N, C-alpha and C. Protein backbone atom coordinates (compact mmCIF):
# COMPACT_ATOMS: atom_id res chain seq x y z
N MET A 1 152.25 -91.22 -4.69
CA MET A 1 152.87 -92.55 -4.99
C MET A 1 154.24 -92.77 -4.16
N ALA A 2 154.24 -93.95 -3.47
CA ALA A 2 155.36 -94.05 -2.76
C ALA A 2 156.36 -94.83 -3.37
N GLU A 3 157.63 -94.95 -2.97
CA GLU A 3 158.74 -95.48 -3.58
C GLU A 3 159.52 -96.29 -2.50
N ALA A 4 160.26 -97.48 -2.92
CA ALA A 4 161.16 -98.10 -2.13
C ALA A 4 162.20 -98.60 -3.00
N THR A 5 163.56 -98.81 -2.34
CA THR A 5 164.62 -99.51 -2.98
C THR A 5 164.85 -100.94 -2.67
N VAL A 6 165.05 -101.78 -3.56
CA VAL A 6 165.22 -103.28 -3.16
C VAL A 6 166.87 -103.31 -2.91
N THR A 7 167.01 -103.85 -1.72
CA THR A 7 168.52 -104.16 -1.30
C THR A 7 169.13 -105.25 -2.04
N SER A 8 170.37 -105.53 -1.87
CA SER A 8 171.10 -106.56 -2.54
C SER A 8 170.46 -107.92 -2.03
N LYS A 9 169.79 -107.95 -0.90
CA LYS A 9 169.27 -109.08 -0.27
C LYS A 9 167.96 -109.28 -0.66
N GLY A 10 167.33 -108.53 -1.60
CA GLY A 10 165.98 -108.51 -1.99
C GLY A 10 164.94 -108.03 -1.07
N GLN A 11 165.41 -107.15 -0.15
CA GLN A 11 164.50 -106.62 0.98
C GLN A 11 164.21 -105.24 0.56
N ILE A 12 162.96 -104.68 1.02
CA ILE A 12 162.54 -103.33 0.92
C ILE A 12 161.97 -102.79 2.34
N THR A 13 161.95 -101.53 2.45
CA THR A 13 161.34 -101.01 3.64
C THR A 13 160.09 -100.12 3.17
N ILE A 14 158.94 -100.67 3.68
CA ILE A 14 157.74 -100.24 3.15
C ILE A 14 157.60 -98.72 3.71
N PRO A 15 157.20 -97.92 2.75
CA PRO A 15 157.27 -96.38 3.22
C PRO A 15 156.34 -96.37 4.25
N LYS A 16 156.66 -95.24 5.04
CA LYS A 16 155.61 -94.94 6.21
C LYS A 16 154.27 -94.63 5.93
N GLU A 17 154.11 -93.90 4.75
CA GLU A 17 152.71 -93.56 4.42
C GLU A 17 151.81 -94.73 4.12
N ILE A 18 152.41 -95.80 3.42
CA ILE A 18 151.77 -97.10 3.11
C ILE A 18 151.59 -97.91 4.32
N ARG A 19 152.60 -97.90 5.37
CA ARG A 19 152.33 -98.62 6.62
C ARG A 19 151.27 -98.19 7.31
N GLU A 20 151.19 -96.79 7.46
CA GLU A 20 150.15 -96.24 8.16
C GLU A 20 148.60 -96.37 7.51
N LYS A 21 148.68 -96.32 6.13
CA LYS A 21 147.30 -96.60 5.44
C LYS A 21 146.80 -98.02 5.58
N MET A 22 147.98 -98.92 5.59
CA MET A 22 147.49 -100.44 5.85
C MET A 22 147.46 -100.79 7.34
N LYS A 23 147.75 -99.89 8.15
CA LYS A 23 147.78 -100.18 9.51
C LYS A 23 148.57 -101.18 9.93
N LEU A 24 149.88 -101.31 9.28
CA LEU A 24 150.80 -102.42 9.58
C LEU A 24 151.71 -102.05 10.72
N GLN A 25 151.99 -103.04 11.59
CA GLN A 25 152.67 -102.86 12.73
C GLN A 25 153.88 -104.05 12.67
N ALA A 26 154.84 -103.87 13.72
CA ALA A 26 155.97 -104.83 13.67
C ALA A 26 155.37 -106.27 13.75
N GLY A 27 155.67 -107.21 13.08
CA GLY A 27 155.30 -108.54 13.38
C GLY A 27 154.27 -109.00 12.23
N ASP A 28 153.58 -107.93 11.70
CA ASP A 28 152.30 -108.19 10.92
C ASP A 28 152.90 -108.98 9.63
N LYS A 29 152.12 -109.75 9.04
CA LYS A 29 152.55 -110.45 7.75
C LYS A 29 151.72 -109.87 6.64
N ILE A 30 152.38 -109.84 5.46
CA ILE A 30 151.61 -109.43 4.28
C ILE A 30 151.67 -110.36 3.27
N ILE A 31 150.68 -110.38 2.41
CA ILE A 31 150.83 -111.19 1.21
C ILE A 31 150.93 -110.42 -0.06
N PHE A 32 151.76 -110.84 -1.07
CA PHE A 32 152.04 -110.39 -2.35
C PHE A 32 151.30 -111.18 -3.39
N GLN A 33 150.38 -110.58 -4.17
CA GLN A 33 149.62 -111.39 -5.22
C GLN A 33 149.97 -110.39 -6.60
N THR A 34 149.94 -111.29 -7.70
CA THR A 34 150.21 -110.58 -9.03
C THR A 34 148.99 -111.10 -9.87
N ASP A 35 148.45 -110.12 -10.69
CA ASP A 35 147.43 -110.66 -11.60
C ASP A 35 147.98 -110.90 -12.90
N ALA A 36 147.25 -111.19 -13.96
CA ALA A 36 147.52 -111.71 -15.23
C ALA A 36 148.39 -110.54 -15.92
N GLU A 37 148.24 -109.43 -15.73
CA GLU A 37 148.91 -108.30 -16.21
C GLU A 37 150.09 -107.91 -15.61
N GLY A 38 150.41 -108.61 -14.57
CA GLY A 38 151.61 -108.29 -13.64
C GLY A 38 151.56 -107.22 -12.62
N GLU A 39 150.32 -106.78 -12.34
CA GLU A 39 150.10 -105.76 -11.31
C GLU A 39 150.22 -106.66 -9.95
N LEU A 40 150.76 -105.76 -9.04
CA LEU A 40 150.96 -106.42 -7.73
C LEU A 40 150.05 -105.69 -6.74
N LYS A 41 149.49 -106.74 -5.99
CA LYS A 41 148.62 -106.23 -4.83
C LYS A 41 149.31 -106.79 -3.62
N ILE A 42 149.25 -105.82 -2.50
CA ILE A 42 149.83 -106.25 -1.27
C ILE A 42 148.72 -106.33 -0.22
N LYS A 43 148.46 -107.33 0.57
CA LYS A 43 147.39 -107.44 1.39
C LYS A 43 147.86 -107.68 2.89
N LYS A 44 147.33 -107.14 3.87
CA LYS A 44 147.69 -107.52 5.35
C LYS A 44 147.24 -109.02 5.61
N SER A 45 148.05 -109.75 5.98
CA SER A 45 147.72 -111.18 6.12
C SER A 45 147.36 -111.66 7.49
N ASN A 46 148.13 -111.04 8.51
CA ASN A 46 147.78 -111.59 10.00
C ASN A 46 146.36 -111.40 10.35
N VAL A 47 145.85 -112.38 10.82
CA VAL A 47 144.40 -112.44 11.29
C VAL A 47 144.34 -113.18 12.58
N SER A 48 143.75 -112.71 13.56
CA SER A 48 143.64 -113.30 14.91
C SER A 48 143.04 -114.86 14.69
N ILE A 49 143.63 -115.75 15.60
CA ILE A 49 143.01 -117.02 15.53
C ILE A 49 141.37 -117.03 15.81
N LYS A 50 141.09 -116.02 16.67
CA LYS A 50 139.64 -115.83 17.17
C LYS A 50 138.74 -115.39 15.82
N ASP A 51 139.40 -114.62 14.96
CA ASP A 51 138.80 -114.15 13.77
C ASP A 51 138.56 -115.37 12.72
N ARG A 52 139.34 -116.37 12.93
CA ARG A 52 139.22 -117.67 12.08
C ARG A 52 138.50 -118.76 12.81
N ALA A 53 138.10 -118.53 14.07
CA ALA A 53 137.26 -119.58 14.77
C ALA A 53 136.06 -120.01 13.99
N GLY A 54 135.97 -121.33 13.77
CA GLY A 54 134.89 -121.85 13.07
C GLY A 54 134.74 -121.84 11.64
N SER A 55 135.91 -121.30 11.10
CA SER A 55 136.00 -121.22 9.62
C SER A 55 136.37 -122.56 8.87
N LEU A 56 136.83 -123.57 9.82
CA LEU A 56 137.23 -124.85 9.02
C LEU A 56 136.02 -125.73 9.69
N ARG A 57 135.54 -126.57 9.01
CA ARG A 57 134.57 -127.53 9.28
C ARG A 57 135.08 -128.89 9.30
N LYS A 58 134.51 -129.85 10.12
CA LYS A 58 134.86 -131.05 10.19
C LYS A 58 134.07 -131.81 9.09
N TYR A 59 134.53 -132.71 8.33
CA TYR A 59 133.71 -133.48 7.19
C TYR A 59 132.44 -133.82 7.67
N GLY A 60 131.45 -133.41 7.03
CA GLY A 60 130.12 -133.83 7.29
C GLY A 60 129.45 -133.03 8.22
N ARG A 61 130.11 -131.98 8.99
CA ARG A 61 129.57 -131.20 9.85
C ARG A 61 128.76 -130.04 9.14
N SER A 62 127.53 -129.78 9.44
CA SER A 62 126.75 -128.75 8.54
C SER A 62 126.92 -127.34 9.06
N LYS A 63 127.56 -126.99 10.37
CA LYS A 63 127.63 -125.62 10.74
C LYS A 63 129.06 -125.51 11.43
N SER A 64 129.33 -124.21 11.46
CA SER A 64 130.67 -123.75 12.14
C SER A 64 130.33 -123.93 13.88
N VAL A 65 131.47 -123.96 14.47
CA VAL A 65 131.34 -124.22 15.91
C VAL A 65 131.95 -122.83 16.49
N SER A 66 131.23 -122.49 17.58
CA SER A 66 131.67 -121.23 18.12
C SER A 66 132.86 -121.47 19.16
N ILE A 67 133.45 -120.26 19.55
CA ILE A 67 134.45 -120.43 20.64
C ILE A 67 133.91 -121.03 21.82
N GLU A 68 132.71 -120.51 22.24
CA GLU A 68 132.07 -121.02 23.47
C GLU A 68 131.73 -122.46 23.44
N GLU A 69 131.28 -123.13 22.23
CA GLU A 69 131.04 -124.49 22.03
C GLU A 69 132.22 -125.36 22.11
N MET A 70 133.39 -124.87 21.42
CA MET A 70 134.67 -125.43 21.63
C MET A 70 135.17 -125.58 23.18
N ASP A 71 135.16 -124.32 23.94
CA ASP A 71 135.39 -124.29 25.34
C ASP A 71 134.66 -125.33 26.14
N GLU A 72 133.43 -125.47 25.78
CA GLU A 72 132.61 -126.42 26.48
C GLU A 72 132.95 -127.82 26.13
N ALA A 73 133.20 -128.21 24.99
CA ALA A 73 133.70 -129.56 24.67
C ALA A 73 134.93 -129.91 25.31
N ILE A 74 135.87 -128.85 25.44
CA ILE A 74 137.08 -129.27 26.04
C ILE A 74 136.99 -129.45 27.53
N LYS A 75 135.98 -128.59 28.29
CA LYS A 75 135.81 -128.79 29.51
C LYS A 75 135.10 -130.24 29.83
N GLN A 76 134.19 -130.56 29.05
CA GLN A 76 133.44 -131.96 29.03
C GLN A 76 134.41 -133.09 28.96
N ARG A 77 135.55 -132.86 28.09
CA ARG A 77 136.40 -133.95 27.79
C ARG A 77 137.39 -134.06 29.02
N ALA A 78 137.59 -132.82 29.64
CA ALA A 78 138.60 -132.88 30.63
C ALA A 78 137.95 -133.60 31.86
N VAL A 79 136.81 -133.41 31.98
CA VAL A 79 135.90 -133.97 33.19
C VAL A 79 135.94 -135.56 32.89
N GLU A 80 135.75 -135.97 31.69
CA GLU A 80 135.65 -137.40 31.36
C GLU A 80 137.08 -138.05 31.66
N LEU A 81 138.05 -137.34 31.35
CA LEU A 81 139.59 -137.99 31.54
C LEU A 81 139.81 -137.81 33.01
N ASP A 82 139.37 -136.88 33.75
CA ASP A 82 139.66 -136.61 35.04
C ASP A 82 138.93 -137.94 35.87
N LYS A 83 137.79 -138.28 35.46
CA LYS A 83 136.94 -139.46 36.18
C LYS A 83 137.69 -140.71 35.82
N LYS A 84 138.14 -140.93 34.61
CA LYS A 84 138.94 -142.25 34.17
C LYS A 84 140.23 -142.42 35.06
N THR A 85 140.87 -141.38 35.41
CA THR A 85 142.19 -141.41 36.23
C THR A 85 141.78 -141.53 37.62
N LYS A 86 140.77 -141.35 38.10
CA LYS A 86 140.41 -141.56 39.64
C LYS A 86 140.10 -143.12 39.88
């Protein structure tokens, strides 16, 4: 079991063994969750935007869109805008 001390500013240093086990690095974000019994869970939060790609859907859309499909739509729109400016 690892232990940490809370500073006067409410900060703690996550013990090295926990950082290693959770594969935490500088800049990573973590989430604190408590259950009904007051038990605390700590989870790694930061997920790459690529890992979240397609996870949000436009209202009425039945499927997620891939990064490649997004890139293609951006290219097509850029071509359309380029034609309008000429």
